[in-house]
Amino acid sequence: MSYSDRTKFRKKYIYPLLDAGIIQMTIPEKPNSRNQKYQLTAKGLELIEHLKSNK
């Protein structure tokens, strides 16, 4: 997404998706780890399928 400011990117995109339960952290006990990644939850997968079916 080519954002240079990680803090703003997290506040605008990552945290709302986490709060909505669409994504989850791979290392939840270390949220600021440099190895942190995110994966879709079941709810996130359902959302993608719903969006695909409505095209």
PDB file of N, CA and C in Angstrom:
ATOM      1  N   MET A   1       0.814  -1.191   0.000  1.00  0.00           N
ATOM      2  CA  MET A   1       0.000   0.000   0.000  1.00  0.00           C
ATOM      3  C   MET A   1       0.857   1.254   0.000  1.00  0.00           C
ATOM      4  N   SER A   2       2.120   1.073   0.067  1.00  0.00           N
ATOM      5  CA  SER A   2       3.117   2.142  -0.063  1.00  0.00           C
ATOM      6  C   SER A   2       2.964   3.282   0.945  1.00  0.00           C
ATOM      7  N   TYR A   3       2.645   2.954   2.184  1.00  0.00           N
ATOM      8  CA  TYR A   3       2.629   3.945   3.252  1.00  0.00           C
ATOM      9  C   TYR A   3       3.977   3.936   3.939  1.00  0.00           C
ATOM     10  N   SER A   4       4.539   5.112   4.187  1.00  0.00           N
ATOM     11  CA  SER A   4       5.834   5.183   4.851  1.00  0.00           C
ATOM     12  C   SER A   4       5.694   5.330   6.360  1.00  0.00           C
ATOM     13  N   ASP A   5       4.532   5.730   6.828  1.00  0.00           N
ATOM     14  CA  ASP A   5       4.309   5.920   8.252  1.00  0.00           C
ATOM     15  C   ASP A   5       3.522   4.731   8.803  1.00  0.00           C
ATOM     16  N   ARG A   6       4.207   3.826   9.472  1.00  0.00           N
ATOM     17  CA  ARG A   6       3.577   2.600   9.968  1.00  0.00           C
ATOM     18  C   ARG A   6       2.493   2.880  10.995  1.00  0.00           C
ATOM     19  N   THR A   7       2.689   3.876  11.831  1.00  0.00           N
ATOM     20  CA  THR A   7       1.716   4.185  12.876  1.00  0.00           C
ATOM     21  C   THR A   7       0.375   4.562  12.265  1.00  0.00           C
ATOM     22  N   LYS A   8       0.383   5.436  11.287  1.00  0.00           N
ATOM     23  CA  LYS A   8      -0.868   5.842  10.647  1.00  0.00           C
ATOM     24  C   LYS A   8      -1.513   4.675   9.913  1.00  0.00           C
ATOM     25  N   PHE A   9      -0.708   3.842   9.289  1.00  0.00           N
ATOM     26  CA  PHE A   9      -1.237   2.674   8.577  1.00  0.00           C
ATOM     27  C   PHE A   9      -1.926   1.737   9.562  1.00  0.00           C
ATOM     28  N   ARG A  10      -1.294   1.496  10.703  1.00  0.00           N
ATOM     29  CA  ARG A  10      -1.881   0.616  11.721  1.00  0.00           C
ATOM     30  C   ARG A  10      -3.196   1.194  12.245  1.00  0.00           C
ATOM     31  N   LYS A  11      -3.197   2.494  12.548  1.00  0.00           N
ATOM     32  CA  LYS A  11      -4.401   3.122  13.099  1.00  0.00           C
ATOM     33  C   LYS A  11      -5.550   3.145  12.090  1.00  0.00           C
ATOM     34  N   LYS A  12      -5.230   3.367  10.828  1.00  0.00           N
ATOM     35  CA  LYS A  12      -6.274   3.525   9.819  1.00  0.00           C
ATOM     36  C   LYS A  12      -6.787   2.188   9.274  1.00  0.00           C
ATOM     37  N   TYR A  13      -5.920   1.179   9.176  1.00  0.00           N
ATOM     38  CA  TYR A  13      -6.313  -0.070   8.534  1.00  0.00           C
ATOM     39  C   TYR A  13      -6.238  -1.296   9.441  1.00  0.00           C
ATOM     40  N   ILE A  14      -5.115  -1.510  10.081  1.00  0.00           N
ATOM     41  CA  ILE A  14      -4.911  -2.745  10.839  1.00  0.00           C
ATOM     42  C   ILE A  14      -5.816  -2.824  12.066  1.00  0.00           C
ATOM     43  N   TYR A  15      -5.810  -1.803  12.910  1.00  0.00           N
ATOM     44  CA  TYR A  15      -6.601  -1.853  14.147  1.00  0.00           C
ATOM     45  C   TYR A  15      -8.099  -2.000  13.888  1.00  0.00           C
ATOM     46  N   PRO A  16      -8.679  -1.290  12.924  1.00  0.00           N
ATOM     47  CA  PRO A  16     -10.112  -1.502  12.659  1.00  0.00           C
ATOM     48  C   PRO A  16     -10.425  -2.927  12.192  1.00  0.00           C
ATOM     49  N   LEU A  17      -9.537  -3.515  11.393  1.00  0.00           N
ATOM     50  CA  LEU A  17      -9.758  -4.892  10.941  1.00  0.00           C
ATOM     51  C   LEU A  17      -9.619  -5.876  12.092  1.00  0.00           C
ATOM     52  N   LEU A  18      -8.667  -5.623  12.989  1.00  0.00           N
ATOM     53  CA  LEU A  18      -8.517  -6.464  14.175  1.00  0.00           C
ATOM     54  C   LEU A  18      -9.752  -6.353  15.062  1.00  0.00           C
ATOM     55  N   ASP A  19     -10.219  -5.139  15.301  1.00  0.00           N
ATOM     56  CA  ASP A  19     -11.391  -4.913  16.153  1.00  0.00           C
ATOM     57  C   ASP A  19     -12.651  -5.553  15.571  1.00  0.00           C
ATOM     58  N   ALA A  20     -12.748  -5.569  14.252  1.00  0.00           N
ATOM     59  CA  ALA A  20     -13.917  -6.157  13.597  1.00  0.00           C
ATOM     60  C   ALA A  20     -13.825  -7.676  13.524  1.00  0.00           C
ATOM     61  N   GLY A  21     -12.670  -8.234  13.854  1.00  0.00           N
ATOM     62  CA  GLY A  21     -12.505  -9.684  13.827  1.00  0.00           C
ATOM     63  C   GLY A  21     -12.267 -10.245  12.442  1.00  0.00           C
ATOM     64  N   ILE A  22     -11.831  -9.412  11.516  1.00  0.00           N
ATOM     65  CA  ILE A  22     -11.605  -9.849  10.142  1.00  0.00           C
ATOM     66  C   ILE A  22     -10.199 -10.423   9.981  1.00  0.00           C
ATOM     67  N   ILE A  23      -9.241  -9.880  10.712  1.00  0.00           N
ATOM     68  CA  ILE A  23      -7.886 -10.417  10.708  1.00  0.00           C
ATOM     69  C   ILE A  23      -7.466 -10.698  12.149  1.00  0.00           C
ATOM     70  N   GLN A  24      -6.402 -11.498  12.282  1.00  0.00           N
ATOM     71  CA  GLN A  24      -5.835 -11.761  13.596  1.00  0.00           C
ATOM     72  C   GLN A  24      -4.323 -11.774  13.489  1.00  0.00           C
ATOM     73  N   MET A  25      -3.667 -11.500  14.606  1.00  0.00           N
ATOM     74  CA  MET A  25      -2.209 -11.491  14.656  1.00  0.00           C
ATOM     75  C   MET A  25      -1.689 -12.924  14.724  1.00  0.00           C
ATOM     76  N   THR A  26      -0.540 -13.167  14.104  1.00  0.00           N
ATOM     77  CA  THR A  26       0.074 -14.482  14.203  1.00  0.00           C
ATOM     78  C   THR A  26       0.850 -14.628  15.503  1.00  0.00           C
ATOM     79  N   ILE A  27       1.274 -13.506  16.101  1.00  0.00           N
ATOM     80  CA  ILE A  27       1.980 -13.515  17.386  1.00  0.00           C
ATOM     81  C   ILE A  27       1.263 -12.530  18.315  1.00  0.00           C
ATOM     82  N   PRO A  28       0.090 -12.891  18.833  1.00  0.00           N
ATOM     83  CA  PRO A  28      -0.693 -11.941  19.624  1.00  0.00           C
ATOM     84  C   PRO A  28      -0.022 -11.507  20.926  1.00  0.00           C
ATOM     85  N   GLU A  29       0.848 -12.348  21.488  1.00  0.00           N
ATOM     86  CA  GLU A  29       1.506 -11.967  22.737  1.00  0.00           C
ATOM     87  C   GLU A  29       2.616 -10.942  22.524  1.00  0.00           C
ATOM     88  N   LYS A  30       3.019 -10.711  21.270  1.00  0.00           N
ATOM     89  CA  LYS A  30       4.036  -9.709  20.950  1.00  0.00           C
ATOM     90  C   LYS A  30       3.539  -8.851  19.782  1.00  0.00           C
ATOM     91  N   PRO A  31       2.611  -7.932  20.039  1.00  0.00           N
ATOM     92  CA  PRO A  31       2.012  -7.172  18.938  1.00  0.00           C
ATOM     93  C   PRO A  31       2.996  -6.279  18.183  1.00  0.00           C
ATOM     94  N   ASN A  32       4.108  -5.905  18.791  1.00  0.00           N
ATOM     95  CA  ASN A  32       5.063  -5.031  18.106  1.00  0.00           C
ATOM     96  C   ASN A  32       6.275  -5.782  17.558  1.00  0.00           C
ATOM     97  N   SER A  33       6.189  -7.091  17.507  1.00  0.00           N
ATOM     98  CA  SER A  33       7.292  -7.895  16.993  1.00  0.00           C
ATOM     99  C   SER A  33       7.560  -7.567  15.527  1.00  0.00           C
ATOM    100  N   ARG A  34       8.816  -7.569  15.171  1.00  0.00           N
ATOM    101  CA  ARG A  34       9.150  -7.302  13.761  1.00  0.00           C
ATOM    102  C   ARG A  34       8.724  -8.459  12.872  1.00  0.00           C
ATOM    103  N   ASN A  35       8.453  -9.603  13.476  1.00  0.00           N
ATOM    104  CA  ASN A  35       8.012 -10.781  12.727  1.00  0.00           C
ATOM    105  C   ASN A  35       6.494 -10.924  12.692  1.00  0.00           C
ATOM    106  N   GLN A  36       5.780  -9.917  13.210  1.00  0.00           N
ATOM    107  CA  GLN A  36       4.327  -9.972  13.270  1.00  0.00           C
ATOM    108  C   GLN A  36       3.733 -10.017  11.873  1.00  0.00           C
ATOM    109  N   LYS A  37       2.772 -10.908  11.720  1.00  0.00           N
ATOM    110  CA  LYS A  37       2.022 -11.004  10.471  1.00  0.00           C
ATOM    111  C   LYS A  37       0.553 -11.097  10.850  1.00  0.00           C
ATOM    112  N   TYR A  38      -0.298 -11.013   9.860  1.00  0.00           N
ATOM    113  CA  TYR A  38      -1.727 -11.061  10.088  1.00  0.00           C
ATOM    114  C   TYR A  38      -2.334 -12.077   9.143  1.00  0.00           C
ATOM    115  N   GLN A  39      -3.383 -12.735   9.616  1.00  0.00           N
ATOM    116  CA  GLN A  39      -4.073 -13.696   8.769  1.00  0.00           C
ATOM    117  C   GLN A  39      -5.575 -13.488   8.889  1.00  0.00           C
ATOM    118  N   LEU A  40      -6.282 -13.899   7.849  1.00  0.00           N
ATOM    119  CA  LEU A  40      -7.733 -13.761   7.851  1.00  0.00           C
ATOM    120  C   LEU A  40      -8.353 -14.739   8.839  1.00  0.00           C
ATOM    121  N   THR A  41      -9.397 -14.305   9.488  1.00  0.00           N
ATOM    122  CA  THR A  41     -10.180 -15.179  10.351  1.00  0.00           C
ATOM    123  C   THR A  41     -11.287 -15.809   9.499  1.00  0.00           C
ATOM    124  N   ALA A  42     -12.069 -16.670  10.110  1.00  0.00           N
ATOM    125  CA  ALA A  42     -13.215 -17.252   9.405  1.00  0.00           C
ATOM    126  C   ALA A  42     -14.163 -16.150   8.942  1.00  0.00           C
ATOM    127  N   LYS A  43     -14.340 -15.141   9.791  1.00  0.00           N
ATOM    128  CA  LYS A  43     -15.202 -14.008   9.437  1.00  0.00           C
ATOM    129  C   LYS A  43     -14.644 -13.266   8.219  1.00  0.00           C
ATOM    130  N   GLY A  44     -13.325 -13.110   8.162  1.00  0.00           N
ATOM    131  CA  GLY A  44     -12.689 -12.451   7.029  1.00  0.00           C
ATOM    132  C   GLY A  44     -12.849 -13.239   5.742  1.00  0.00           C
ATOM    133  N   LEU A  45     -12.721 -14.554   5.848  1.00  0.00           N
ATOM    134  CA  LEU A  45     -12.911 -15.410   4.674  1.00  0.00           C
ATOM    135  C   LEU A  45     -14.347 -15.349   4.178  1.00  0.00           C
ATOM    136  N   GLU A  46     -15.305 -15.322   5.111  1.00  0.00           N
ATOM    137  CA  GLU A  46     -16.711 -15.186   4.730  1.00  0.00           C
ATOM    138  C   GLU A  46     -16.956 -13.861   4.016  1.00  0.00           C
ATOM    139  N   LEU A  47     -16.342 -12.808   4.507  1.00  0.00           N
ATOM    140  CA  LEU A  47     -16.500 -11.494   3.889  1.00  0.00           C
ATOM    141  C   LEU A  47     -15.971 -11.504   2.457  1.00  0.00           C
ATOM    142  N   ILE A  48     -14.826 -12.108   2.249  1.00  0.00           N
ATOM    143  CA  ILE A  48     -14.255 -12.180   0.894  1.00  0.00           C
ATOM    144  C   ILE A  48     -15.164 -12.974  -0.036  1.00  0.00           C
ATOM    145  N   GLU A  49     -15.668 -14.105   0.447  1.00  0.00           N
ATOM    146  CA  GLU A  49     -16.580 -14.912  -0.376  1.00  0.00           C
ATOM    147  C   GLU A  49     -17.841 -14.126  -0.708  1.00  0.00           C
ATOM    148  N   HIS A  50     -18.359 -13.404   0.259  1.00  0.00           N
ATOM    149  CA  HIS A  50     -19.557 -12.580   0.039  1.00  0.00           C
ATOM    150  C   HIS A  50     -19.280 -11.505  -1.018  1.00  0.00           C
ATOM    151  N   LEU A  51     -18.135 -10.863  -0.908  1.00  0.00           N
ATOM    152  CA  LEU A  51     -17.786  -9.815  -1.870  1.00  0.00           C
ATOM    153  C   LEU A  51     -17.604 -10.397  -3.274  1.00  0.00           C
ATOM    154  N   LYS A  52     -17.016 -11.582  -3.371  1.00  0.00           N
ATOM    155  CA  LYS A  52     -16.825 -12.227  -4.672  1.00  0.00           C
ATOM    156  C   LYS A  52     -18.160 -12.597  -5.307  1.00  0.00           C
ATOM    157  N   SER A  53     -19.089 -13.075  -4.486  1.00  0.00           N
ATOM    158  CA  SER A  53     -20.376 -13.512  -5.027  1.00  0.00           C
ATOM    159  C   SER A  53     -21.260 -12.348  -5.460  1.00  0.00           C
ATOM    160  N   ASN A  54     -20.986 -11.154  -4.960  1.00  0.00           N
ATOM    161  CA  ASN A  54     -21.789  -9.986  -5.318  1.00  0.00           C
ATOM    162  C   ASN A  54     -21.236  -9.206  -6.490  1.00  0.00           C
ATOM    163  N   LYS A  55     -20.248  -9.729  -7.181  1.00  0.00           N
ATOM    164  CA  LYS A  55     -19.691  -9.016  -8.346  1.00  0.00           C
ATOM    165  C   LYS A  55     -20.613  -9.074  -9.515  1.00  0.00           C
TER     166      LYS A  55
END
